[in-house]
């Protein structure tokens, strides 16, 4: 089952780039200097940030749908990231390294299936969940902290 993984759109965070720590606080955001890698997974480029890079910890509404599953959570975005990750049939290393929770949603944005998997086996679970004809898209979360990681969609063929 062909699929595509989407990182977050960098333009959603461009207004935060270069702000002072005080200005970031107004937006409920916080700047960190990466001090270990892996450890700070960027949601735009879908990679672990390198030691010395700066990231912003922001609240992101990953499920804006008007359903009981509407949700937001903290995510890291690398300051200066512009290249949104969009790759067909490829699991980025940032996902392969972690325990994942993958959740399937239907057209009404209701969760219809979910499971937990080691990142190295994510492709198998993604393909299994997308074989359900009612699955419209998947959300991948880092299972240990519960943070949103990425969106997955079926590639129409």
C-alpha atoms as a PDB file:
ATOM      1  CA  UNK A   1       0.000   0.000   0.000  1.00  0.00           C
ATOM      2  CA  UNK A   2       1.783   3.175  -1.122  1.00  0.00           C
ATOM      3  CA  UNK A   3       1.856   5.992   1.436  1.00  0.00           C
ATOM      4  CA  UNK A   4       3.389   9.402   2.017  1.00  0.00           C
ATOM      5  CA  UNK A   5       4.652  10.867   5.298  1.00  0.00           C
ATOM      6  CA  UNK A   6       4.293  14.616   5.836  1.00  0.00           C
ATOM      7  CA  UNK A   7       6.334  16.797   8.156  1.00  0.00           C
ATOM      8  CA  UNK A   8       4.809  20.029   9.356  1.00  0.00           C
ATOM      9  CA  UNK A   9       4.587  23.089   7.127  1.00  0.00           C
ATOM     10  CA  UNK A  10       7.358  25.496   8.182  1.00  0.00           C
ATOM     11  CA  UNK A  11       5.225  28.556   7.403  1.00  0.00           C
ATOM     12  CA  UNK A  12       3.017  27.664  10.391  1.00  0.00           C
ATOM     13  CA  UNK A  13       5.961  28.620  12.641  1.00  0.00           C
ATOM     14  CA  UNK A  14       7.697  31.380  10.669  1.00  0.00           C
ATOM     15  CA  UNK A  15       6.239  34.100  12.921  1.00  0.00           C
ATOM     16  CA  UNK A  16       8.249  32.635  15.819  1.00  0.00           C
ATOM     17  CA  UNK A  17      11.635  32.655  14.093  1.00  0.00           C
ATOM     18  CA  UNK A  18      14.110  35.055  15.678  1.00  0.00           C
ATOM     19  CA  UNK A  19      11.873  36.142  18.550  1.00  0.00           C
ATOM     20  CA  UNK A  20      13.417  36.783  21.954  1.00  0.00           C
ATOM     21  CA  UNK A  21      12.734  34.326  24.753  1.00  0.00           C
ATOM     22  CA  UNK A  22      10.301  36.840  26.257  1.00  0.00           C
ATOM     23  CA  UNK A  23       8.447  37.202  22.958  1.00  0.00           C
ATOM     24  CA  UNK A  24       8.315  33.421  22.547  1.00  0.00           C
ATOM     25  CA  UNK A  25       6.754  33.098  26.004  1.00  0.00           C
ATOM     26  CA  UNK A  26       3.813  35.226  24.824  1.00  0.00           C
ATOM     27  CA  UNK A  27       3.183  32.482  22.229  1.00  0.00           C
ATOM     28  CA  UNK A  28       3.617  29.704  24.829  1.00  0.00           C
ATOM     29  CA  UNK A  29       6.864  28.682  23.116  1.00  0.00           C
ATOM     30  CA  UNK A  30      10.340  28.033  24.473  1.00  0.00           C
ATOM     31  CA  UNK A  31      13.762  27.944  22.797  1.00  0.00           C
ATOM     32  CA  UNK A  32      16.260  25.168  23.520  1.00  0.00           C
ATOM     33  CA  UNK A  33      19.821  24.604  22.391  1.00  0.00           C
ATOM     34  CA  UNK A  34      20.127  20.937  21.452  1.00  0.00           C
ATOM     35  CA  UNK A  35      22.461  19.246  23.924  1.00  0.00           C
ATOM     36  CA  UNK A  36      22.055  15.623  22.850  1.00  0.00           C
ATOM     37  CA  UNK A  37      21.230  13.782  19.685  1.00  0.00           C
ATOM     38  CA  UNK A  38      19.008  11.980  19.260  1.00  0.00           C
ATOM     39  CA  UNK A  39      16.702  13.808  21.605  1.00  0.00           C
ATOM     40  CA  UNK A  40      15.111  16.765  19.819  1.00  0.00           C
ATOM     41  CA  UNK A  41      13.052  15.495  16.849  1.00  0.00           C
ATOM     42  CA  UNK A  42      12.208  18.267  14.393  1.00  0.00           C
ATOM     43  CA  UNK A  43       8.667  17.900  13.005  1.00  0.00           C
ATOM     44  CA  UNK A  44       9.297  19.946   9.843  1.00  0.00           C
ATOM     45  CA  UNK A  45      12.316  18.190   8.344  1.00  0.00           C
ATOM     46  CA  UNK A  46      11.612  14.933  10.223  1.00  0.00           C
ATOM     47  CA  UNK A  47      15.108  14.535  11.600  1.00  0.00           C
ATOM     48  CA  UNK A  48      16.898  14.580  14.926  1.00  0.00           C
ATOM     49  CA  UNK A  49      18.500  17.968  15.414  1.00  0.00           C
ATOM     50  CA  UNK A  50      22.258  18.151  15.883  1.00  0.00           C
ATOM     51  CA  UNK A  51      23.967  19.284  19.071  1.00  0.00           C
ATOM     52  CA  UNK A  52      24.235  23.083  19.012  1.00  0.00           C
ATOM     53  CA  UNK A  53      21.195  23.704  16.805  1.00  0.00           C
ATOM     54  CA  UNK A  54      18.268  25.608  18.300  1.00  0.00           C
ATOM     55  CA  UNK A  55      14.719  24.344  18.435  1.00  0.00           C
ATOM     56  CA  UNK A  56      11.442  25.833  19.523  1.00  0.00           C
ATOM     57  CA  UNK A  57       9.100  23.848  21.726  1.00  0.00           C
ATOM     58  CA  UNK A  58       5.592  24.911  20.723  1.00  0.00           C
ATOM     59  CA  UNK A  59       2.059  23.748  21.232  1.00  0.00           C
ATOM     60  CA  UNK A  60       0.723  22.468  17.922  1.00  0.00           C
ATOM     61  CA  UNK A  61      -2.881  21.540  17.166  1.00  0.00           C
ATOM     62  CA  UNK A  62      -2.283  18.360  15.183  1.00  0.00           C
ATOM     63  CA  UNK A  63      -5.934  17.331  15.161  1.00  0.00           C
ATOM     64  CA  UNK A  64      -7.971  20.488  14.457  1.00  0.00           C
ATOM     65  CA  UNK A  65     -11.059  18.578  13.325  1.00  0.00           C
ATOM     66  CA  UNK A  66     -14.369  19.208  15.026  1.00  0.00           C
ATOM     67  CA  UNK A  67     -14.532  15.763  16.611  1.00  0.00           C
ATOM     68  CA  UNK A  68     -13.971  14.273  20.062  1.00  0.00           C
ATOM     69  CA  UNK A  69     -10.364  13.625  18.957  1.00  0.00           C
ATOM     70  CA  UNK A  70      -9.487  17.308  18.548  1.00  0.00           C
ATOM     71  CA  UNK A  71      -6.011  17.594  20.101  1.00  0.00           C
ATOM     72  CA  UNK A  72      -2.799  19.543  20.498  1.00  0.00           C
ATOM     73  CA  UNK A  73       0.523  18.781  22.112  1.00  0.00           C
ATOM     74  CA  UNK A  74       4.068  20.109  22.388  1.00  0.00           C
ATOM     75  CA  UNK A  75       6.368  19.578  19.389  1.00  0.00           C
ATOM     76  CA  UNK A  76       9.904  20.649  18.515  1.00  0.00           C
ATOM     77  CA  UNK A  77      10.579  22.612  15.338  1.00  0.00           C
ATOM     78  CA  UNK A  78      14.117  23.540  14.350  1.00  0.00           C
ATOM     79  CA  UNK A  79      14.753  27.266  14.071  1.00  0.00           C
ATOM     80  CA  UNK A  80      15.441  27.981  10.425  1.00  0.00           C
ATOM     81  CA  UNK A  81      13.848  24.771   9.110  1.00  0.00           C
ATOM     82  CA  UNK A  82      12.125  25.385   5.781  1.00  0.00           C
ATOM     83  CA  UNK A  83      12.188  22.080   3.892  1.00  0.00           C
ATOM     84  CA  UNK A  84       9.025  20.181   4.797  1.00  0.00           C
ATOM     85  CA  UNK A  85       9.567  16.423   4.745  1.00  0.00           C
ATOM     86  CA  UNK A  86       7.270  14.787   2.207  1.00  0.00           C
ATOM     87  CA  UNK A  87       8.459  11.377   1.082  1.00  0.00           C
ATOM     88  CA  UNK A  88       6.633   8.460  -0.498  1.00  0.00           C
ATOM     89  CA  UNK A  89       7.069   4.974   0.962  1.00  0.00           C
ATOM     90  CA  UNK A  90       9.928   5.949   3.278  1.00  0.00           C
ATOM     91  CA  UNK A  91      10.186   5.976   7.050  1.00  0.00           C
ATOM     92  CA  UNK A  92      12.604   8.699   8.221  1.00  0.00           C
ATOM     93  CA  UNK A  93      15.283   7.722  10.735  1.00  0.00           C
ATOM     94  CA  UNK A  94      13.729  10.003  13.371  1.00  0.00           C
ATOM     95  CA  UNK A  95      10.723   7.641  13.418  1.00  0.00           C
ATOM     96  CA  UNK A  96      12.714   4.418  13.043  1.00  0.00           C
ATOM     97  CA  UNK A  97      14.606   5.159  16.285  1.00  0.00           C
ATOM     98  CA  UNK A  98      11.547   5.397  18.519  1.00  0.00           C
ATOM     99  CA  UNK A  99       8.546   3.513  19.829  1.00  0.00           C
ATOM    100  CA  UNK A 100       5.527   4.812  17.905  1.00  0.00           C
ATOM    101  CA  UNK A 101       1.787   4.954  18.361  1.00  0.00           C
ATOM    102  CA  UNK A 102       0.059   4.999  14.979  1.00  0.00           C
ATOM    103  CA  UNK A 103      -3.621   5.960  14.847  1.00  0.00           C
ATOM    104  CA  UNK A 104      -6.025   5.631  11.913  1.00  0.00           C
ATOM    105  CA  UNK A 105      -8.790   8.198  11.378  1.00  0.00           C
ATOM    106  CA  UNK A 106     -11.804   8.057   9.067  1.00  0.00           C
ATOM    107  CA  UNK A 107     -13.362  10.864   6.990  1.00  0.00           C
ATOM    108  CA  UNK A 108     -15.257  12.089  10.075  1.00  0.00           C
ATOM    109  CA  UNK A 109     -11.946  12.349  11.980  1.00  0.00           C
ATOM    110  CA  UNK A 110     -12.915   9.514  14.294  1.00  0.00           C
ATOM    111  CA  UNK A 111     -10.192   7.111  15.381  1.00  0.00           C
ATOM    112  CA  UNK A 112     -10.994   3.707  13.940  1.00  0.00           C
ATOM    113  CA  UNK A 113      -7.835   1.752  14.755  1.00  0.00           C
ATOM    114  CA  UNK A 114      -4.474   2.163  16.467  1.00  0.00           C
ATOM    115  CA  UNK A 115      -1.441   0.207  17.567  1.00  0.00           C
ATOM    116  CA  UNK A 116       2.032   0.638  19.012  1.00  0.00           C
ATOM    117  CA  UNK A 117       5.125  -0.447  17.095  1.00  0.00           C
ATOM    118  CA  UNK A 118       8.896  -0.123  17.197  1.00  0.00           C
ATOM    119  CA  UNK A 119       9.844   2.402  14.538  1.00  0.00           C
ATOM    120  CA  UNK A 120      11.813  -0.146  12.512  1.00  0.00           C
ATOM    121  CA  UNK A 121       8.498  -1.982  11.908  1.00  0.00           C
ATOM    122  CA  UNK A 122       6.412   1.139  11.250  1.00  0.00           C
ATOM    123  CA  UNK A 123       6.042   0.519   7.524  1.00  0.00           C
ATOM    124  CA  UNK A 124       4.279  -2.797   8.126  1.00  0.00           C
ATOM    125  CA  UNK A 125       1.769  -1.224  10.538  1.00  0.00           C
ATOM    126  CA  UNK A 126       1.196   1.789   8.271  1.00  0.00           C
ATOM    127  CA  UNK A 127       0.404  -0.464   5.340  1.00  0.00           C
ATOM    128  CA  UNK A 128      -1.887  -2.635   7.494  1.00  0.00           C
ATOM    129  CA  UNK A 129      -3.850   0.356   8.816  1.00  0.00           C
ATOM    130  CA  UNK A 130      -4.195   1.879   5.356  1.00  0.00           C
ATOM    131  CA  UNK A 131      -5.683  -1.329   3.932  1.00  0.00           C
ATOM    132  CA  UNK A 132      -8.829  -0.465   5.884  1.00  0.00           C
ATOM    133  CA  UNK A 133     -10.994   1.285   3.276  1.00  0.00           C
ATOM    134  CA  UNK A 134     -12.409   3.566   5.996  1.00  0.00           C
ATOM    135  CA  UNK A 135      -8.978   4.867   6.996  1.00  0.00           C
ATOM    136  CA  UNK A 136      -8.585   8.361   5.566  1.00  0.00           C
ATOM    137  CA  UNK A 137      -5.234   9.245   7.192  1.00  0.00           C
ATOM    138  CA  UNK A 138      -2.913   8.226  10.021  1.00  0.00           C
ATOM    139  CA  UNK A 139      -1.288  10.174  12.814  1.00  0.00           C
ATOM    140  CA  UNK A 140       2.049   9.008  14.154  1.00  0.00           C
ATOM    141  CA  UNK A 141       2.940   9.868  17.753  1.00  0.00           C
ATOM    142  CA  UNK A 142       6.049   9.204  19.787  1.00  0.00           C
ATOM    143  CA  UNK A 143       4.589   6.637  22.161  1.00  0.00           C
ATOM    144  CA  UNK A 144       6.624   7.365  25.272  1.00  0.00           C
ATOM    145  CA  UNK A 145       5.868  11.101  25.525  1.00  0.00           C
ATOM    146  CA  UNK A 146       2.722  11.088  23.416  1.00  0.00           C
ATOM    147  CA  UNK A 147       3.915  13.896  21.151  1.00  0.00           C
ATOM    148  CA  UNK A 148       2.616  14.197  17.608  1.00  0.00           C
ATOM    149  CA  UNK A 149       5.247  13.198  15.045  1.00  0.00           C
ATOM    150  CA  UNK A 150       3.765  13.128  11.536  1.00  0.00           C
ATOM    151  CA  UNK A 151       0.786  12.600   9.253  1.00  0.00           C
ATOM    152  CA  UNK A 152       0.557   9.681   6.831  1.00  0.00           C
ATOM    153  CA  UNK A 153      -1.731   9.502   3.817  1.00  0.00           C
ATOM    154  CA  UNK A 154      -2.431   6.805   1.279  1.00  0.00           C
ATOM    155  CA  UNK A 155      -1.095   7.544  -2.202  1.00  0.00           C
ATOM    156  CA  UNK A 156      -3.928   7.120  -4.667  1.00  0.00           C
ATOM    157  CA  UNK A 157      -2.985   4.733  -7.396  1.00  0.00           C
END
